[in-house]
Amino acid sequence: MKDTTPNMQDYAETYRDFKLDVPEHFNFAFDVVDKWAEDRTKLALISLDPSGENAQHHTFW
């Protein structure tokens, strides 16, 4: 594998300067999940029973 320069040169600087630009009126459910749910057959959630052994797959339907 060829050595490449990492995108992040200085973790501390990147951490210090990072800013997530979120609009003042942002609702994850409306802005993101509604878009995902446009195809109601897509996988929405995987739930496990208390033992953690049996999974159920749920769609947006």
PDB file of N, CA and C in Angstrom:
ATOM      1  N   MET A   1       0.844  -1.177   0.000  1.00  0.00           N
ATOM      2  CA  MET A   1       0.000   0.000   0.000  1.00  0.00           C
ATOM      3  C   MET A   1       0.889   1.239   0.000  1.00  0.00           C
ATOM      4  N   LYS A   2       0.523   2.195  -0.769  1.00  0.00           N
ATOM      5  CA  LYS A   2       1.287   3.426  -0.893  1.00  0.00           C
ATOM      6  C   LYS A   2       1.011   4.350   0.299  1.00  0.00           C
ATOM      7  N   ASP A   3       2.065   4.927   0.846  1.00  0.00           N
ATOM      8  CA  ASP A   3       1.879   5.888   1.930  1.00  0.00           C
ATOM      9  C   ASP A   3       1.263   7.159   1.370  1.00  0.00           C
ATOM     10  N   THR A   4       0.270   7.658   2.073  1.00  0.00           N
ATOM     11  CA  THR A   4      -0.359   8.916   1.671  1.00  0.00           C
ATOM     12  C   THR A   4      -0.418   9.848   2.865  1.00  0.00           C
ATOM     13  N   THR A   5      -0.499  11.112   2.590  1.00  0.00           N
ATOM     14  CA  THR A   5      -0.620  12.103   3.652  1.00  0.00           C
ATOM     15  C   THR A   5      -2.054  12.086   4.162  1.00  0.00           C
ATOM     16  N   PRO A   6      -2.234  11.968   5.470  1.00  0.00           N
ATOM     17  CA  PRO A   6      -3.597  11.963   6.004  1.00  0.00           C
ATOM     18  C   PRO A   6      -4.276  13.317   5.793  1.00  0.00           C
ATOM     19  N   ASN A   7      -5.599  13.267   5.652  1.00  0.00           N
ATOM     20  CA  ASN A   7      -6.358  14.507   5.493  1.00  0.00           C
ATOM     21  C   ASN A   7      -6.217  15.411   6.713  1.00  0.00           C
ATOM     22  N   MET A   8      -6.173  14.810   7.888  1.00  0.00           N
ATOM     23  CA  MET A   8      -6.084  15.576   9.126  1.00  0.00           C
ATOM     24  C   MET A   8      -4.632  15.573   9.599  1.00  0.00           C
ATOM     25  N   GLN A   9      -4.008  16.712   9.584  1.00  0.00           N
ATOM     26  CA  GLN A   9      -2.609  16.820   9.996  1.00  0.00           C
ATOM     27  C   GLN A   9      -2.461  17.011  11.504  1.00  0.00           C
ATOM     28  N   ASP A  10      -3.427  17.704  12.123  1.00  0.00           N
ATOM     29  CA  ASP A  10      -3.318  18.038  13.546  1.00  0.00           C
ATOM     30  C   ASP A  10      -4.679  17.815  14.204  1.00  0.00           C
ATOM     31  N   TYR A  11      -4.825  16.709  14.927  1.00  0.00           N
ATOM     32  CA  TYR A  11      -6.106  16.365  15.538  1.00  0.00           C
ATOM     33  C   TYR A  11      -6.573  17.447  16.492  1.00  0.00           C
ATOM     34  N   ALA A  12      -5.706  17.927  17.364  1.00  0.00           N
ATOM     35  CA  ALA A  12      -6.098  18.934  18.354  1.00  0.00           C
ATOM     36  C   ALA A  12      -6.627  20.192  17.674  1.00  0.00           C
ATOM     37  N   GLU A  13      -5.956  20.622  16.621  1.00  0.00           N
ATOM     38  CA  GLU A  13      -6.403  21.809  15.885  1.00  0.00           C
ATOM     39  C   GLU A  13      -7.750  21.546  15.202  1.00  0.00           C
ATOM     40  N   THR A  14      -7.880  20.396  14.586  1.00  0.00           N
ATOM     41  CA  THR A  14      -9.139  20.053  13.929  1.00  0.00           C
ATOM     42  C   THR A  14     -10.273  20.001  14.940  1.00  0.00           C
ATOM     43  N   TYR A  15     -10.035  19.382  16.082  1.00  0.00           N
ATOM     44  CA  TYR A  15     -11.038  19.290  17.141  1.00  0.00           C
ATOM     45  C   TYR A  15     -11.413  20.680  17.635  1.00  0.00           C
ATOM     46  N   ARG A  16     -10.414  21.511  17.874  1.00  0.00           N
ATOM     47  CA  ARG A  16     -10.643  22.867  18.384  1.00  0.00           C
ATOM     48  C   ARG A  16     -11.444  23.712  17.397  1.00  0.00           C
ATOM     49  N   ASP A  17     -11.138  23.589  16.123  1.00  0.00           N
ATOM     50  CA  ASP A  17     -11.740  24.461  15.114  1.00  0.00           C
ATOM     51  C   ASP A  17     -13.016  23.898  14.484  1.00  0.00           C
ATOM     52  N   PHE A  18     -13.379  22.668  14.821  1.00  0.00           N
ATOM     53  CA  PHE A  18     -14.546  22.055  14.193  1.00  0.00           C
ATOM     54  C   PHE A  18     -15.819  22.778  14.593  1.00  0.00           C
ATOM     55  N   LYS A  19     -16.674  23.019  13.611  1.00  0.00           N
ATOM     56  CA  LYS A  19     -17.974  23.636  13.869  1.00  0.00           C
ATOM     57  C   LYS A  19     -18.979  22.986  12.935  1.00  0.00           C
ATOM     58  N   LEU A  20     -20.025  22.462  13.504  1.00  0.00           N
ATOM     59  CA  LEU A  20     -21.096  21.872  12.721  1.00  0.00           C
ATOM     60  C   LEU A  20     -22.132  22.955  12.475  1.00  0.00           C
ATOM     61  N   ASP A  21     -22.391  23.262  11.226  1.00  0.00           N
ATOM     62  CA  ASP A  21     -23.309  24.335  10.867  1.00  0.00           C
ATOM     63  C   ASP A  21     -24.725  23.769  10.756  1.00  0.00           C
ATOM     64  N   VAL A  22     -25.492  23.910  11.842  1.00  0.00           N
ATOM     65  CA  VAL A  22     -26.863  23.408  11.889  1.00  0.00           C
ATOM     66  C   VAL A  22     -27.805  24.605  11.892  1.00  0.00           C
ATOM     67  N   PRO A  23     -28.788  24.627  10.995  1.00  0.00           N
ATOM     68  CA  PRO A  23     -29.732  25.744  10.976  1.00  0.00           C
ATOM     69  C   PRO A  23     -30.437  25.905  12.323  1.00  0.00           C
ATOM     70  N   GLU A  24     -30.878  27.107  12.610  1.00  0.00           N
ATOM     71  CA  GLU A  24     -31.538  27.387  13.889  1.00  0.00           C
ATOM     72  C   GLU A  24     -32.767  26.500  14.080  1.00  0.00           C
ATOM     73  N   HIS A  25     -33.527  26.318  13.029  1.00  0.00           N
ATOM     74  CA  HIS A  25     -34.749  25.515  13.120  1.00  0.00           C
ATOM     75  C   HIS A  25     -34.545  24.207  12.363  1.00  0.00           C
ATOM     76  N   PHE A  26     -33.819  23.293  12.981  1.00  0.00           N
ATOM     77  CA  PHE A  26     -33.506  22.001  12.375  1.00  0.00           C
ATOM     78  C   PHE A  26     -34.149  20.907  13.207  1.00  0.00           C
ATOM     79  N   ASN A  27     -34.890  20.036  12.568  1.00  0.00           N
ATOM     80  CA  ASN A  27     -35.514  18.910  13.239  1.00  0.00           C
ATOM     81  C   ASN A  27     -35.087  17.650  12.493  1.00  0.00           C
ATOM     82  N   PHE A  28     -34.263  16.844  13.117  1.00  0.00           N
ATOM     83  CA  PHE A  28     -33.714  15.654  12.468  1.00  0.00           C
ATOM     84  C   PHE A  28     -34.817  14.752  11.922  1.00  0.00           C
ATOM     85  N   ALA A  29     -35.883  14.573  12.708  1.00  0.00           N
ATOM     86  CA  ALA A  29     -36.964  13.687  12.268  1.00  0.00           C
ATOM     87  C   ALA A  29     -37.605  14.188  10.982  1.00  0.00           C
ATOM     88  N   PHE A  30     -37.918  15.461  10.931  1.00  0.00           N
ATOM     89  CA  PHE A  30     -38.557  16.014   9.735  1.00  0.00           C
ATOM     90  C   PHE A  30     -37.580  16.139   8.570  1.00  0.00           C
ATOM     91  N   ASP A  31     -36.377  16.592   8.846  1.00  0.00           N
ATOM     92  CA  ASP A  31     -35.432  16.907   7.778  1.00  0.00           C
ATOM     93  C   ASP A  31     -34.676  15.695   7.243  1.00  0.00           C
ATOM     94  N   VAL A  32     -34.536  14.661   8.040  1.00  0.00           N
ATOM     95  CA  VAL A  32     -33.752  13.496   7.616  1.00  0.00           C
ATOM     96  C   VAL A  32     -34.607  12.229   7.543  1.00  0.00           C
ATOM     97  N   VAL A  33     -35.252  11.885   8.643  1.00  0.00           N
ATOM     98  CA  VAL A  33     -35.999  10.627   8.682  1.00  0.00           C
ATOM     99  C   VAL A  33     -37.156  10.634   7.686  1.00  0.00           C
ATOM    100  N   ASP A  34     -37.843  11.759   7.544  1.00  0.00           N
ATOM    101  CA  ASP A  34     -38.926  11.824   6.555  1.00  0.00           C
ATOM    102  C   ASP A  34     -38.404  11.529   5.149  1.00  0.00           C
ATOM    103  N   LYS A  35     -37.218  11.998   4.838  1.00  0.00           N
ATOM    104  CA  LYS A  35     -36.618  11.733   3.525  1.00  0.00           C
ATOM    105  C   LYS A  35     -36.325  10.236   3.375  1.00  0.00           C
ATOM    106  N   TRP A  36     -35.756   9.637   4.426  1.00  0.00           N
ATOM    107  CA  TRP A  36     -35.483   8.202   4.386  1.00  0.00           C
ATOM    108  C   TRP A  36     -36.779   7.416   4.201  1.00  0.00           C
ATOM    109  N   ALA A  37     -37.859   7.874   4.844  1.00  0.00           N
ATOM    110  CA  ALA A  37     -39.121   7.137   4.856  1.00  0.00           C
ATOM    111  C   ALA A  37     -39.921   7.277   3.567  1.00  0.00           C
ATOM    112  N   GLU A  38     -39.442   8.060   2.624  1.00  0.00           N
ATOM    113  CA  GLU A  38     -40.159   8.175   1.352  1.00  0.00           C
ATOM    114  C   GLU A  38     -40.326   6.807   0.698  1.00  0.00           C
ATOM    115  N   ASP A  39     -39.340   5.942   0.854  1.00  0.00           N
ATOM    116  CA  ASP A  39     -39.467   4.552   0.408  1.00  0.00           C
ATOM    117  C   ASP A  39     -39.829   3.743   1.649  1.00  0.00           C
ATOM    118  N   ARG A  40     -41.104   3.487   1.813  1.00  0.00           N
ATOM    119  CA  ARG A  40     -41.588   2.872   3.044  1.00  0.00           C
ATOM    120  C   ARG A  40     -41.137   1.430   3.216  1.00  0.00           C
ATOM    121  N   THR A  41     -40.535   0.844   2.188  1.00  0.00           N
ATOM    122  CA  THR A  41     -40.048  -0.534   2.303  1.00  0.00           C
ATOM    123  C   THR A  41     -38.624  -0.601   2.857  1.00  0.00           C
ATOM    124  N   LYS A  42     -37.972   0.543   3.007  1.00  0.00           N
ATOM    125  CA  LYS A  42     -36.595   0.555   3.527  1.00  0.00           C
ATOM    126  C   LYS A  42     -36.560   0.151   4.996  1.00  0.00           C
ATOM    127  N   LEU A  43     -35.457  -0.436   5.387  1.00  0.00           N
ATOM    128  CA  LEU A  43     -35.252  -0.813   6.778  1.00  0.00           C
ATOM    129  C   LEU A  43     -35.177   0.439   7.643  1.00  0.00           C
ATOM    130  N   ALA A  44     -36.013   0.498   8.675  1.00  0.00           N
ATOM    131  CA  ALA A  44     -36.045   1.648   9.568  1.00  0.00           C
ATOM    132  C   ALA A  44     -35.392   1.343  10.914  1.00  0.00           C
ATOM    133  N   LEU A  45     -35.555   0.107  11.387  1.00  0.00           N
ATOM    134  CA  LEU A  45     -35.116  -0.225  12.739  1.00  0.00           C
ATOM    135  C   LEU A  45     -34.930  -1.728  12.857  1.00  0.00           C
ATOM    136  N   ILE A  46     -33.936  -2.127  13.601  1.00  0.00           N
ATOM    137  CA  ILE A  46     -33.768  -3.532  13.976  1.00  0.00           C
ATOM    138  C   ILE A  46     -33.902  -3.585  15.487  1.00  0.00           C
ATOM    139  N   SER A  47     -34.876  -4.350  15.969  1.00  0.00           N
ATOM    140  CA  SER A  47     -35.053  -4.472  17.415  1.00  0.00           C
ATOM    141  C   SER A  47     -34.675  -5.885  17.853  1.00  0.00           C
ATOM    142  N   LEU A  48     -34.167  -5.972  19.067  1.00  0.00           N
ATOM    143  CA  LEU A  48     -33.765  -7.259  19.641  1.00  0.00           C
ATOM    144  C   LEU A  48     -34.635  -7.571  20.845  1.00  0.00           C
ATOM    145  N   ASP A  49     -34.898  -8.855  21.066  1.00  0.00           N
ATOM    146  CA  ASP A  49     -35.612  -9.245  22.276  1.00  0.00           C
ATOM    147  C   ASP A  49     -34.654  -9.111  23.465  1.00  0.00           C
ATOM    148  N   PRO A  50     -35.165  -9.240  24.690  1.00  0.00           N
ATOM    149  CA  PRO A  50     -34.297  -9.052  25.867  1.00  0.00           C
ATOM    150  C   PRO A  50     -33.049  -9.930  25.892  1.00  0.00           C
ATOM    151  N   SER A  51     -33.117 -11.103  25.285  1.00  0.00           N
ATOM    152  CA  SER A  51     -31.936 -11.978  25.277  1.00  0.00           C
ATOM    153  C   SER A  51     -30.898 -11.515  24.258  1.00  0.00           C
ATOM    154  N   GLY A  52     -31.333 -10.675  23.311  1.00  0.00           N
ATOM    155  CA  GLY A  52     -30.432 -10.206  22.270  1.00  0.00           C
ATOM    156  C   GLY A  52     -30.212 -11.215  21.161  1.00  0.00           C
ATOM    157  N   GLU A  53     -30.957 -12.301  21.192  1.00  0.00           N
ATOM    158  CA  GLU A  53     -30.749 -13.366  20.210  1.00  0.00           C
ATOM    159  C   GLU A  53     -31.706 -13.311  19.027  1.00  0.00           C
ATOM    160  N   ASN A  54     -32.866 -12.716  19.214  1.00  0.00           N
ATOM    161  CA  ASN A  54     -33.873 -12.681  18.155  1.00  0.00           C
ATOM    162  C   ASN A  54     -34.079 -11.251  17.684  1.00  0.00           C
ATOM    163  N   ALA A  55     -33.856 -11.046  16.408  1.00  0.00           N
ATOM    164  CA  ALA A  55     -33.980  -9.706  15.834  1.00  0.00           C
ATOM    165  C   ALA A  55     -35.244  -9.603  14.997  1.00  0.00           C
ATOM    166  N   GLN A  56     -35.860  -8.428  15.049  1.00  0.00           N
ATOM    167  CA  GLN A  56     -36.979  -8.116  14.167  1.00  0.00           C
ATOM    168  C   GLN A  56     -36.571  -6.926  13.323  1.00  0.00           C
ATOM    169  N   HIS A  57     -36.868  -7.005  12.037  1.00  0.00           N
ATOM    170  CA  HIS A  57     -36.563  -5.915  11.114  1.00  0.00           C
ATOM    171  C   HIS A  57     -37.849  -5.148  10.832  1.00  0.00           C
ATOM    172  N   HIS A  58     -37.804  -3.842  10.995  1.00  0.00           N
ATOM    173  CA  HIS A  58     -38.983  -2.995  10.822  1.00  0.00           C
ATOM    174  C   HIS A  58     -38.739  -2.019   9.675  1.00  0.00           C
ATOM    175  N   THR A  59     -39.763  -1.844   8.848  1.00  0.00           N
ATOM    176  CA  THR A  59     -39.691  -0.869   7.761  1.00  0.00           C
ATOM    177  C   THR A  59     -40.461   0.380   8.178  1.00  0.00           C
ATOM    178  N   PHE A  60     -40.526   1.349   7.298  1.00  0.00           N
ATOM    179  CA  PHE A  60     -41.268   2.572   7.576  1.00  0.00           C
ATOM    180  C   PHE A  60     -42.762   2.402   7.316  1.00  0.00           C
ATOM    181  N   TRP A  61     -43.180   1.201   6.899  1.00  0.00           N
ATOM    182  CA  TRP A  61     -44.571   0.952   6.557  1.00  0.00           C
ATOM    183  C   TRP A  61     -45.438   0.916   7.766  1.00  0.00           C
TER     184      TRP A  61
END
